[in-house]
Protein backbone atom coordinates (compact mmCIF):
# COMPACT_ATOMS: atom_id res chain seq x y z
CA UNK A 1 0.00 0.00 0.00
CA UNK A 2 1.27 3.44 -0.92
CA UNK A 3 1.40 6.26 1.58
CA UNK A 4 0.15 9.82 1.21
CA UNK A 5 2.93 12.37 1.75
CA UNK A 6 2.37 16.05 2.46
CA UNK A 7 5.54 18.02 1.71
CA UNK A 8 5.83 21.79 1.83
CA UNK A 9 8.27 24.65 2.24
CA UNK A 10 7.45 26.56 5.41
CA UNK A 11 8.99 29.52 7.20
CA UNK A 12 10.17 29.10 10.78
CA UNK A 13 6.95 30.77 11.93
CA UNK A 14 4.87 28.27 9.94
CA UNK A 15 3.86 30.07 6.74
CA UNK A 16 3.93 28.86 3.14
CA UNK A 17 3.04 32.30 1.72
CA UNK A 18 3.48 35.79 3.09
CA UNK A 19 0.55 38.16 3.66
CA UNK A 20 0.54 39.19 -0.03
CA UNK A 21 0.37 35.56 -1.22
CA UNK A 22 4.00 35.46 -2.38
CA UNK A 23 6.39 32.61 -1.70
CA UNK A 24 9.35 33.80 -3.80
CA UNK A 25 11.24 34.79 -0.63
CA UNK A 26 12.04 31.16 0.14
CA UNK A 27 15.82 30.47 0.10
CA UNK A 28 15.88 27.32 -2.05
CA UNK A 29 19.31 26.38 -3.37
CA UNK A 30 20.44 23.51 -5.62
CA UNK A 31 20.70 21.05 -2.72
CA UNK A 32 17.15 21.76 -1.47
CA UNK A 33 15.86 21.84 -5.05
CA UNK A 34 17.40 18.39 -5.67
CA UNK A 35 15.68 17.04 -2.56
CA UNK A 36 12.33 18.20 -3.94
CA UNK A 37 13.17 16.64 -7.31
CA UNK A 38 14.07 13.33 -5.66
CA UNK A 39 10.77 13.35 -3.77
CA UNK A 40 8.84 13.95 -7.01
CA UNK A 41 10.70 11.08 -8.69
CA UNK A 42 9.59 8.74 -5.91
CA UNK A 43 5.83 9.26 -6.34
CA UNK A 44 3.32 8.03 -8.89
CA UNK A 45 0.53 10.55 -8.33
CA UNK A 46 0.22 14.20 -7.30
CA UNK A 47 -2.91 15.53 -5.58
CA UNK A 48 -3.25 19.31 -5.85
CA UNK A 49 -5.68 22.07 -5.15
CA UNK A 50 -6.31 24.47 -8.03
CA UNK A 51 -4.08 27.30 -6.85
CA UNK A 52 -1.00 25.14 -6.34
CA UNK A 53 -1.65 23.28 -9.60
CA UNK A 54 -1.77 26.54 -11.52
CA UNK A 55 1.54 27.62 -9.96
CA UNK A 56 3.22 24.27 -10.62
CA UNK A 57 1.86 23.67 -14.15
CA UNK A 58 4.56 25.97 -15.54
CA UNK A 59 6.98 23.06 -15.13
CA UNK A 60 5.19 21.54 -18.12
CA UNK A 61 3.66 24.50 -19.96
CA UNK A 62 6.74 26.79 -19.95
CA UNK A 63 9.44 24.86 -21.79
CA UNK A 64 11.85 27.73 -21.24
CA UNK A 65 12.01 26.88 -17.53
CA UNK A 66 13.57 23.48 -18.13
CA UNK A 67 16.04 25.02 -20.56
CA UNK A 68 17.46 27.33 -17.87
CA UNK A 69 19.54 24.71 -16.05
CA UNK A 70 20.09 21.00 -15.54
CA UNK A 71 18.41 21.10 -12.09
CA UNK A 72 15.36 22.83 -13.62
CA UNK A 73 15.25 20.25 -16.43
CA UNK A 74 15.37 17.42 -13.89
CA UNK A 75 12.62 18.96 -11.79
CA UNK A 76 10.42 19.57 -14.86
CA UNK A 77 10.79 15.94 -15.97
CA UNK A 78 10.10 14.69 -12.43
CA UNK A 79 7.00 16.92 -12.15
CA UNK A 80 5.60 15.85 -15.52
CA UNK A 81 5.97 12.09 -14.93
CA UNK A 82 3.32 11.40 -12.23
CA UNK A 83 -0.42 11.34 -12.78
CA UNK A 84 -2.08 14.43 -11.35
CA UNK A 85 -5.47 14.91 -9.71
CA UNK A 86 -6.59 18.52 -9.29
CA UNK A 87 -9.44 19.30 -6.89
CA UNK A 88 -11.34 22.33 -8.13
CA UNK A 89 -14.91 23.46 -8.57
CA UNK A 90 -13.88 26.23 -10.97
CA UNK A 91 -11.14 24.83 -13.22
CA UNK A 92 -12.73 23.86 -16.53
CA UNK A 93 -9.82 21.99 -18.09
CA UNK A 94 -6.30 20.88 -17.22
CA UNK A 95 -3.38 22.58 -18.94
CA UNK A 96 -1.05 19.60 -18.49
CA UNK A 97 -0.93 15.97 -19.59
CA UNK A 98 -1.72 13.06 -17.25
CA UNK A 99 -4.09 15.33 -15.31
CA UNK A 100 -7.71 14.90 -14.33
CA UNK A 101 -9.98 17.27 -12.45
CA UNK A 102 -12.17 16.23 -9.53
CA UNK A 103 -14.74 18.64 -8.15
CA UNK A 104 -14.50 17.50 -4.53
CA UNK A 105 -11.92 15.80 -2.34
CA UNK A 106 -13.24 12.31 -1.63
CA UNK A 107 -11.35 10.56 1.19
CA UNK A 108 -12.73 7.15 0.17
CA UNK A 109 -11.43 7.57 -3.39
CA UNK A 110 -8.01 8.63 -2.10
CA UNK A 111 -7.96 5.63 0.26
CA UNK A 112 -8.70 3.36 -2.75
CA UNK A 113 -5.91 5.04 -4.71
CA UNK A 114 -3.45 4.40 -1.86
CA UNK A 115 -4.45 0.73 -1.67
CA UNK A 116 -4.02 0.19 -5.41
CA UNK A 117 -0.99 2.42 -6.06
CA UNK A 118 2.44 0.89 -6.46
CA UNK A 119 4.16 4.20 -5.65
CA UNK A 120 3.55 6.82 -2.99
CA UNK A 121 1.20 9.76 -3.54
CA UNK A 122 2.17 13.38 -2.87
CA UNK A 123 -0.45 15.91 -1.76
CA UNK A 124 0.09 19.64 -2.14
CA UNK A 125 -1.82 22.63 -0.90
CA UNK A 126 -2.46 23.42 2.75
CA UNK A 127 -6.26 23.29 2.65
CA UNK A 128 -6.27 20.03 0.70
CA UNK A 129 -3.72 18.51 3.06
CA UNK A 130 -5.85 19.60 6.03
CA UNK A 131 -8.76 17.59 4.60
CA UNK A 132 -6.47 14.58 4.19
CA UNK A 133 -5.22 14.99 7.78
CA UNK A 134 -8.79 15.16 9.06
CA UNK A 135 -9.61 11.95 7.17
CA UNK A 136 -6.57 10.17 8.63
CA UNK A 137 -4.95 9.73 5.22
CA UNK A 138 -1.57 11.42 5.68
CA UNK A 139 1.15 8.82 6.12
CA UNK A 140 4.10 11.20 6.16
CA UNK A 141 4.66 14.92 6.61
CA UNK A 142 7.79 16.55 5.19
CA UNK A 143 8.41 20.14 6.25
CA UNK A 144 11.24 22.06 4.63
CA UNK A 145 11.71 24.69 7.34
CA UNK A 146 13.21 27.88 5.93
CA UNK A 147 15.49 29.98 8.14
CA UNK A 148 13.32 33.09 8.07
CA UNK A 149 10.25 34.60 9.67
CA UNK A 150 7.57 36.48 7.69
CA UNK A 151 5.21 37.38 10.52
CA UNK A 152 1.98 36.35 8.84
CA UNK A 153 0.40 34.86 5.76
CA UNK A 154 -0.97 31.46 4.83
CA UNK A 155 -0.10 28.73 7.34
CA UNK A 156 1.39 25.46 6.13
CA UNK A 157 -0.99 23.64 8.44
CA UNK A 158 -4.34 25.45 8.61
CA UNK A 159 -5.95 26.20 11.98
CA UNK A 160 -7.73 23.16 13.35
CA UNK A 161 -5.20 20.65 11.98
CA UNK A 162 -4.36 18.48 14.96
CA UNK A 163 -2.48 15.31 15.80
CA UNK A 164 0.63 13.90 17.43
CA UNK A 165 3.63 13.20 15.21
CA UNK A 166 6.64 10.89 15.39
CA UNK A 167 9.91 12.32 14.04
CA UNK A 168 11.30 9.96 11.39
CA UNK A 169 14.28 11.96 10.19
CA UNK A 170 15.79 15.39 10.00
CA UNK A 171 18.28 16.75 7.48
CA UNK A 172 20.09 20.09 7.57
CA UNK A 173 20.97 21.59 4.21
CA UNK A 174 23.96 23.87 3.68
CA UNK A 175 21.80 27.00 3.37
CA UNK A 176 20.19 26.50 6.79
CA UNK A 177 16.99 24.85 5.57
CA UNK A 178 16.00 21.83 7.67
CA UNK A 179 13.82 19.01 6.33
CA UNK A 180 11.75 17.38 9.06
CA UNK A 181 10.02 14.09 8.27
CA UNK A 182 7.17 13.03 10.53
CA UNK A 183 4.64 10.22 10.70
CA UNK A 184 1.24 10.99 12.22
CA UNK A 185 0.49 8.83 15.24
CA UNK A 186 -2.86 7.11 15.59
CA UNK A 187 -5.28 8.92 17.89
C-alpha atoms as a PDB file:
ATOM      1  CA  UNK A   1       0.000   0.000   0.000  1.00  0.00           C
ATOM      2  CA  UNK A   2       1.271   3.441  -0.916  1.00  0.00           C
ATOM      3  CA  UNK A   3       1.397   6.260   1.582  1.00  0.00           C
ATOM      4  CA  UNK A   4       0.153   9.822   1.212  1.00  0.00           C
ATOM      5  CA  UNK A   5       2.934  12.368   1.748  1.00  0.00           C
ATOM      6  CA  UNK A   6       2.365  16.053   2.458  1.00  0.00           C
ATOM      7  CA  UNK A   7       5.536  18.020   1.713  1.00  0.00           C
ATOM      8  CA  UNK A   8       5.832  21.788   1.828  1.00  0.00           C
ATOM      9  CA  UNK A   9       8.267  24.649   2.240  1.00  0.00           C
ATOM     10  CA  UNK A  10       7.449  26.556   5.406  1.00  0.00           C
ATOM     11  CA  UNK A  11       8.990  29.520   7.204  1.00  0.00           C
ATOM     12  CA  UNK A  12      10.174  29.104  10.777  1.00  0.00           C
ATOM     13  CA  UNK A  13       6.948  30.773  11.927  1.00  0.00           C
ATOM     14  CA  UNK A  14       4.872  28.271   9.941  1.00  0.00           C
ATOM     15  CA  UNK A  15       3.857  30.073   6.739  1.00  0.00           C
ATOM     16  CA  UNK A  16       3.934  28.860   3.138  1.00  0.00           C
ATOM     17  CA  UNK A  17       3.041  32.296   1.724  1.00  0.00           C
ATOM     18  CA  UNK A  18       3.477  35.792   3.094  1.00  0.00           C
ATOM     19  CA  UNK A  19       0.549  38.158   3.658  1.00  0.00           C
ATOM     20  CA  UNK A  20       0.538  39.187  -0.028  1.00  0.00           C
ATOM     21  CA  UNK A  21       0.372  35.556  -1.218  1.00  0.00           C
ATOM     22  CA  UNK A  22       4.002  35.464  -2.382  1.00  0.00           C
ATOM     23  CA  UNK A  23       6.395  32.611  -1.703  1.00  0.00           C
ATOM     24  CA  UNK A  24       9.353  33.798  -3.797  1.00  0.00           C
ATOM     25  CA  UNK A  25      11.238  34.790  -0.633  1.00  0.00           C
ATOM     26  CA  UNK A  26      12.043  31.155   0.140  1.00  0.00           C
ATOM     27  CA  UNK A  27      15.822  30.472   0.100  1.00  0.00           C
ATOM     28  CA  UNK A  28      15.881  27.322  -2.050  1.00  0.00           C
ATOM     29  CA  UNK A  29      19.313  26.377  -3.374  1.00  0.00           C
ATOM     30  CA  UNK A  30      20.442  23.508  -5.622  1.00  0.00           C
ATOM     31  CA  UNK A  31      20.696  21.050  -2.718  1.00  0.00           C
ATOM     32  CA  UNK A  32      17.151  21.757  -1.475  1.00  0.00           C
ATOM     33  CA  UNK A  33      15.863  21.835  -5.047  1.00  0.00           C
ATOM     34  CA  UNK A  34      17.404  18.393  -5.667  1.00  0.00           C
ATOM     35  CA  UNK A  35      15.680  17.044  -2.562  1.00  0.00           C
ATOM     36  CA  UNK A  36      12.327  18.199  -3.936  1.00  0.00           C
ATOM     37  CA  UNK A  37      13.175  16.640  -7.314  1.00  0.00           C
ATOM     38  CA  UNK A  38      14.067  13.327  -5.660  1.00  0.00           C
ATOM     39  CA  UNK A  39      10.767  13.349  -3.773  1.00  0.00           C
ATOM     40  CA  UNK A  40       8.838  13.945  -7.007  1.00  0.00           C
ATOM     41  CA  UNK A  41      10.696  11.083  -8.691  1.00  0.00           C
ATOM     42  CA  UNK A  42       9.587   8.740  -5.907  1.00  0.00           C
ATOM     43  CA  UNK A  43       5.834   9.263  -6.335  1.00  0.00           C
ATOM     44  CA  UNK A  44       3.322   8.033  -8.892  1.00  0.00           C
ATOM     45  CA  UNK A  45       0.525  10.550  -8.330  1.00  0.00           C
ATOM     46  CA  UNK A  46       0.220  14.198  -7.297  1.00  0.00           C
ATOM     47  CA  UNK A  47      -2.914  15.528  -5.580  1.00  0.00           C
ATOM     48  CA  UNK A  48      -3.255  19.312  -5.850  1.00  0.00           C
ATOM     49  CA  UNK A  49      -5.682  22.070  -5.148  1.00  0.00           C
ATOM     50  CA  UNK A  50      -6.310  24.469  -8.031  1.00  0.00           C
ATOM     51  CA  UNK A  51      -4.081  27.300  -6.852  1.00  0.00           C
ATOM     52  CA  UNK A  52      -1.004  25.136  -6.338  1.00  0.00           C
ATOM     53  CA  UNK A  53      -1.655  23.279  -9.596  1.00  0.00           C
ATOM     54  CA  UNK A  54      -1.773  26.545 -11.521  1.00  0.00           C
ATOM     55  CA  UNK A  55       1.541  27.618  -9.959  1.00  0.00           C
ATOM     56  CA  UNK A  56       3.221  24.271 -10.623  1.00  0.00           C
ATOM     57  CA  UNK A  57       1.862  23.667 -14.153  1.00  0.00           C
ATOM     58  CA  UNK A  58       4.565  25.975 -15.539  1.00  0.00           C
ATOM     59  CA  UNK A  59       6.981  23.064 -15.128  1.00  0.00           C
ATOM     60  CA  UNK A  60       5.188  21.543 -18.123  1.00  0.00           C
ATOM     61  CA  UNK A  61       3.658  24.498 -19.957  1.00  0.00           C
ATOM     62  CA  UNK A  62       6.737  26.789 -19.947  1.00  0.00           C
ATOM     63  CA  UNK A  63       9.438  24.856 -21.792  1.00  0.00           C
ATOM     64  CA  UNK A  64      11.847  27.731 -21.236  1.00  0.00           C
ATOM     65  CA  UNK A  65      12.011  26.883 -17.526  1.00  0.00           C
ATOM     66  CA  UNK A  66      13.567  23.476 -18.126  1.00  0.00           C
ATOM     67  CA  UNK A  67      16.041  25.019 -20.559  1.00  0.00           C
ATOM     68  CA  UNK A  68      17.456  27.331 -17.869  1.00  0.00           C
ATOM     69  CA  UNK A  69      19.538  24.708 -16.049  1.00  0.00           C
ATOM     70  CA  UNK A  70      20.088  21.001 -15.536  1.00  0.00           C
ATOM     71  CA  UNK A  71      18.406  21.104 -12.087  1.00  0.00           C
ATOM     72  CA  UNK A  72      15.361  22.826 -13.616  1.00  0.00           C
ATOM     73  CA  UNK A  73      15.252  20.248 -16.432  1.00  0.00           C
ATOM     74  CA  UNK A  74      15.371  17.424 -13.890  1.00  0.00           C
ATOM     75  CA  UNK A  75      12.616  18.958 -11.792  1.00  0.00           C
ATOM     76  CA  UNK A  76      10.424  19.569 -14.857  1.00  0.00           C
ATOM     77  CA  UNK A  77      10.793  15.943 -15.971  1.00  0.00           C
ATOM     78  CA  UNK A  78      10.099  14.692 -12.431  1.00  0.00           C
ATOM     79  CA  UNK A  79       7.000  16.919 -12.149  1.00  0.00           C
ATOM     80  CA  UNK A  80       5.598  15.850 -15.524  1.00  0.00           C
ATOM     81  CA  UNK A  81       5.968  12.092 -14.930  1.00  0.00           C
ATOM     82  CA  UNK A  82       3.319  11.403 -12.232  1.00  0.00           C
ATOM     83  CA  UNK A  83      -0.416  11.344 -12.780  1.00  0.00           C
ATOM     84  CA  UNK A  84      -2.084  14.434 -11.355  1.00  0.00           C
ATOM     85  CA  UNK A  85      -5.471  14.913  -9.708  1.00  0.00           C
ATOM     86  CA  UNK A  86      -6.590  18.522  -9.290  1.00  0.00           C
ATOM     87  CA  UNK A  87      -9.438  19.297  -6.894  1.00  0.00           C
ATOM     88  CA  UNK A  88     -11.336  22.332  -8.129  1.00  0.00           C
ATOM     89  CA  UNK A  89     -14.909  23.460  -8.574  1.00  0.00           C
ATOM     90  CA  UNK A  90     -13.876  26.235 -10.971  1.00  0.00           C
ATOM     91  CA  UNK A  91     -11.144  24.830 -13.216  1.00  0.00           C
ATOM     92  CA  UNK A  92     -12.732  23.860 -16.530  1.00  0.00           C
ATOM     93  CA  UNK A  93      -9.815  21.990 -18.089  1.00  0.00           C
ATOM     94  CA  UNK A  94      -6.305  20.880 -17.223  1.00  0.00           C
ATOM     95  CA  UNK A  95      -3.379  22.581 -18.943  1.00  0.00           C
ATOM     96  CA  UNK A  96      -1.054  19.595 -18.490  1.00  0.00           C
ATOM     97  CA  UNK A  97      -0.928  15.972 -19.594  1.00  0.00           C
ATOM     98  CA  UNK A  98      -1.719  13.061 -17.255  1.00  0.00           C
ATOM     99  CA  UNK A  99      -4.091  15.328 -15.313  1.00  0.00           C
ATOM    100  CA  UNK A 100      -7.715  14.899 -14.332  1.00  0.00           C
ATOM    101  CA  UNK A 101      -9.984  17.271 -12.447  1.00  0.00           C
ATOM    102  CA  UNK A 102     -12.168  16.226  -9.530  1.00  0.00           C
ATOM    103  CA  UNK A 103     -14.743  18.644  -8.154  1.00  0.00           C
ATOM    104  CA  UNK A 104     -14.501  17.498  -4.529  1.00  0.00           C
ATOM    105  CA  UNK A 105     -11.923  15.802  -2.338  1.00  0.00           C
ATOM    106  CA  UNK A 106     -13.244  12.310  -1.632  1.00  0.00           C
ATOM    107  CA  UNK A 107     -11.350  10.564   1.189  1.00  0.00           C
ATOM    108  CA  UNK A 108     -12.731   7.153   0.175  1.00  0.00           C
ATOM    109  CA  UNK A 109     -11.432   7.573  -3.388  1.00  0.00           C
ATOM    110  CA  UNK A 110      -8.006   8.627  -2.096  1.00  0.00           C
ATOM    111  CA  UNK A 111      -7.955   5.630   0.255  1.00  0.00           C
ATOM    112  CA  UNK A 112      -8.704   3.363  -2.747  1.00  0.00           C
ATOM    113  CA  UNK A 113      -5.906   5.044  -4.707  1.00  0.00           C
ATOM    114  CA  UNK A 114      -3.451   4.404  -1.865  1.00  0.00           C
ATOM    115  CA  UNK A 115      -4.454   0.731  -1.672  1.00  0.00           C
ATOM    116  CA  UNK A 116      -4.018   0.193  -5.415  1.00  0.00           C
ATOM    117  CA  UNK A 117      -0.988   2.423  -6.059  1.00  0.00           C
ATOM    118  CA  UNK A 118       2.445   0.891  -6.463  1.00  0.00           C
ATOM    119  CA  UNK A 119       4.162   4.203  -5.655  1.00  0.00           C
ATOM    120  CA  UNK A 120       3.554   6.822  -2.990  1.00  0.00           C
ATOM    121  CA  UNK A 121       1.203   9.760  -3.544  1.00  0.00           C
ATOM    122  CA  UNK A 122       2.170  13.384  -2.866  1.00  0.00           C
ATOM    123  CA  UNK A 123      -0.454  15.908  -1.764  1.00  0.00           C
ATOM    124  CA  UNK A 124       0.093  19.640  -2.137  1.00  0.00           C
ATOM    125  CA  UNK A 125      -1.816  22.633  -0.901  1.00  0.00           C
ATOM    126  CA  UNK A 126      -2.458  23.417   2.751  1.00  0.00           C
ATOM    127  CA  UNK A 127      -6.261  23.287   2.646  1.00  0.00           C
ATOM    128  CA  UNK A 128      -6.275  20.029   0.696  1.00  0.00           C
ATOM    129  CA  UNK A 129      -3.718  18.513   3.062  1.00  0.00           C
ATOM    130  CA  UNK A 130      -5.850  19.597   6.034  1.00  0.00           C
ATOM    131  CA  UNK A 131      -8.758  17.594   4.596  1.00  0.00           C
ATOM    132  CA  UNK A 132      -6.474  14.575   4.190  1.00  0.00           C
ATOM    133  CA  UNK A 133      -5.215  14.991   7.776  1.00  0.00           C
ATOM    134  CA  UNK A 134      -8.789  15.159   9.056  1.00  0.00           C
ATOM    135  CA  UNK A 135      -9.614  11.949   7.172  1.00  0.00           C
ATOM    136  CA  UNK A 136      -6.572  10.166   8.626  1.00  0.00           C
ATOM    137  CA  UNK A 137      -4.949   9.730   5.218  1.00  0.00           C
ATOM    138  CA  UNK A 138      -1.572  11.422   5.680  1.00  0.00           C
ATOM    139  CA  UNK A 139       1.152   8.819   6.123  1.00  0.00           C
ATOM    140  CA  UNK A 140       4.101  11.201   6.164  1.00  0.00           C
ATOM    141  CA  UNK A 141       4.659  14.920   6.606  1.00  0.00           C
ATOM    142  CA  UNK A 142       7.795  16.553   5.194  1.00  0.00           C
ATOM    143  CA  UNK A 143       8.408  20.136   6.251  1.00  0.00           C
ATOM    144  CA  UNK A 144      11.238  22.062   4.628  1.00  0.00           C
ATOM    145  CA  UNK A 145      11.708  24.687   7.336  1.00  0.00           C
ATOM    146  CA  UNK A 146      13.207  27.879   5.926  1.00  0.00           C
ATOM    147  CA  UNK A 147      15.486  29.979   8.138  1.00  0.00           C
ATOM    148  CA  UNK A 148      13.315  33.087   8.065  1.00  0.00           C
ATOM    149  CA  UNK A 149      10.250  34.600   9.675  1.00  0.00           C
ATOM    150  CA  UNK A 150       7.570  36.479   7.690  1.00  0.00           C
ATOM    151  CA  UNK A 151       5.212  37.380  10.524  1.00  0.00           C
ATOM    152  CA  UNK A 152       1.983  36.353   8.838  1.00  0.00           C
ATOM    153  CA  UNK A 153       0.400  34.856   5.764  1.00  0.00           C
ATOM    154  CA  UNK A 154      -0.965  31.460   4.828  1.00  0.00           C
ATOM    155  CA  UNK A 155      -0.097  28.735   7.344  1.00  0.00           C
ATOM    156  CA  UNK A 156       1.395  25.461   6.129  1.00  0.00           C
ATOM    157  CA  UNK A 157      -0.992  23.644   8.438  1.00  0.00           C
ATOM    158  CA  UNK A 158      -4.342  25.445   8.612  1.00  0.00           C
ATOM    159  CA  UNK A 159      -5.950  26.204  11.978  1.00  0.00           C
ATOM    160  CA  UNK A 160      -7.727  23.158  13.349  1.00  0.00           C
ATOM    161  CA  UNK A 161      -5.197  20.654  11.977  1.00  0.00           C
ATOM    162  CA  UNK A 162      -4.356  18.477  14.963  1.00  0.00           C
ATOM    163  CA  UNK A 163      -2.482  15.307  15.802  1.00  0.00           C
ATOM    164  CA  UNK A 164       0.629  13.900  17.433  1.00  0.00           C
ATOM    165  CA  UNK A 165       3.630  13.201  15.211  1.00  0.00           C
ATOM    166  CA  UNK A 166       6.636  10.893  15.388  1.00  0.00           C
ATOM    167  CA  UNK A 167       9.914  12.318  14.038  1.00  0.00           C
ATOM    168  CA  UNK A 168      11.302   9.963  11.389  1.00  0.00           C
ATOM    169  CA  UNK A 169      14.280  11.963  10.189  1.00  0.00           C
ATOM    170  CA  UNK A 170      15.792  15.394  10.003  1.00  0.00           C
ATOM    171  CA  UNK A 171      18.277  16.753   7.479  1.00  0.00           C
ATOM    172  CA  UNK A 172      20.088  20.085   7.568  1.00  0.00           C
ATOM    173  CA  UNK A 173      20.966  21.592   4.207  1.00  0.00           C
ATOM    174  CA  UNK A 174      23.956  23.869   3.685  1.00  0.00           C
ATOM    175  CA  UNK A 175      21.803  26.997   3.373  1.00  0.00           C
ATOM    176  CA  UNK A 176      20.191  26.498   6.790  1.00  0.00           C
ATOM    177  CA  UNK A 177      16.988  24.849   5.566  1.00  0.00           C
ATOM    178  CA  UNK A 178      16.004  21.833   7.668  1.00  0.00           C
ATOM    179  CA  UNK A 179      13.819  19.011   6.334  1.00  0.00           C
ATOM    180  CA  UNK A 180      11.754  17.384   9.055  1.00  0.00           C
ATOM    181  CA  UNK A 181      10.023  14.086   8.272  1.00  0.00           C
ATOM    182  CA  UNK A 182       7.170  13.030  10.530  1.00  0.00           C
ATOM    183  CA  UNK A 183       4.637  10.217  10.698  1.00  0.00           C
ATOM    184  CA  UNK A 184       1.235  10.992  12.216  1.00  0.00           C
ATOM    185  CA  UNK A 185       0.489   8.828  15.243  1.00  0.00           C
ATOM    186  CA  UNK A 186      -2.864   7.114  15.595  1.00  0.00           C
ATOM    187  CA  UNK A 187      -5.281   8.919  17.895  1.00  0.00           C
END
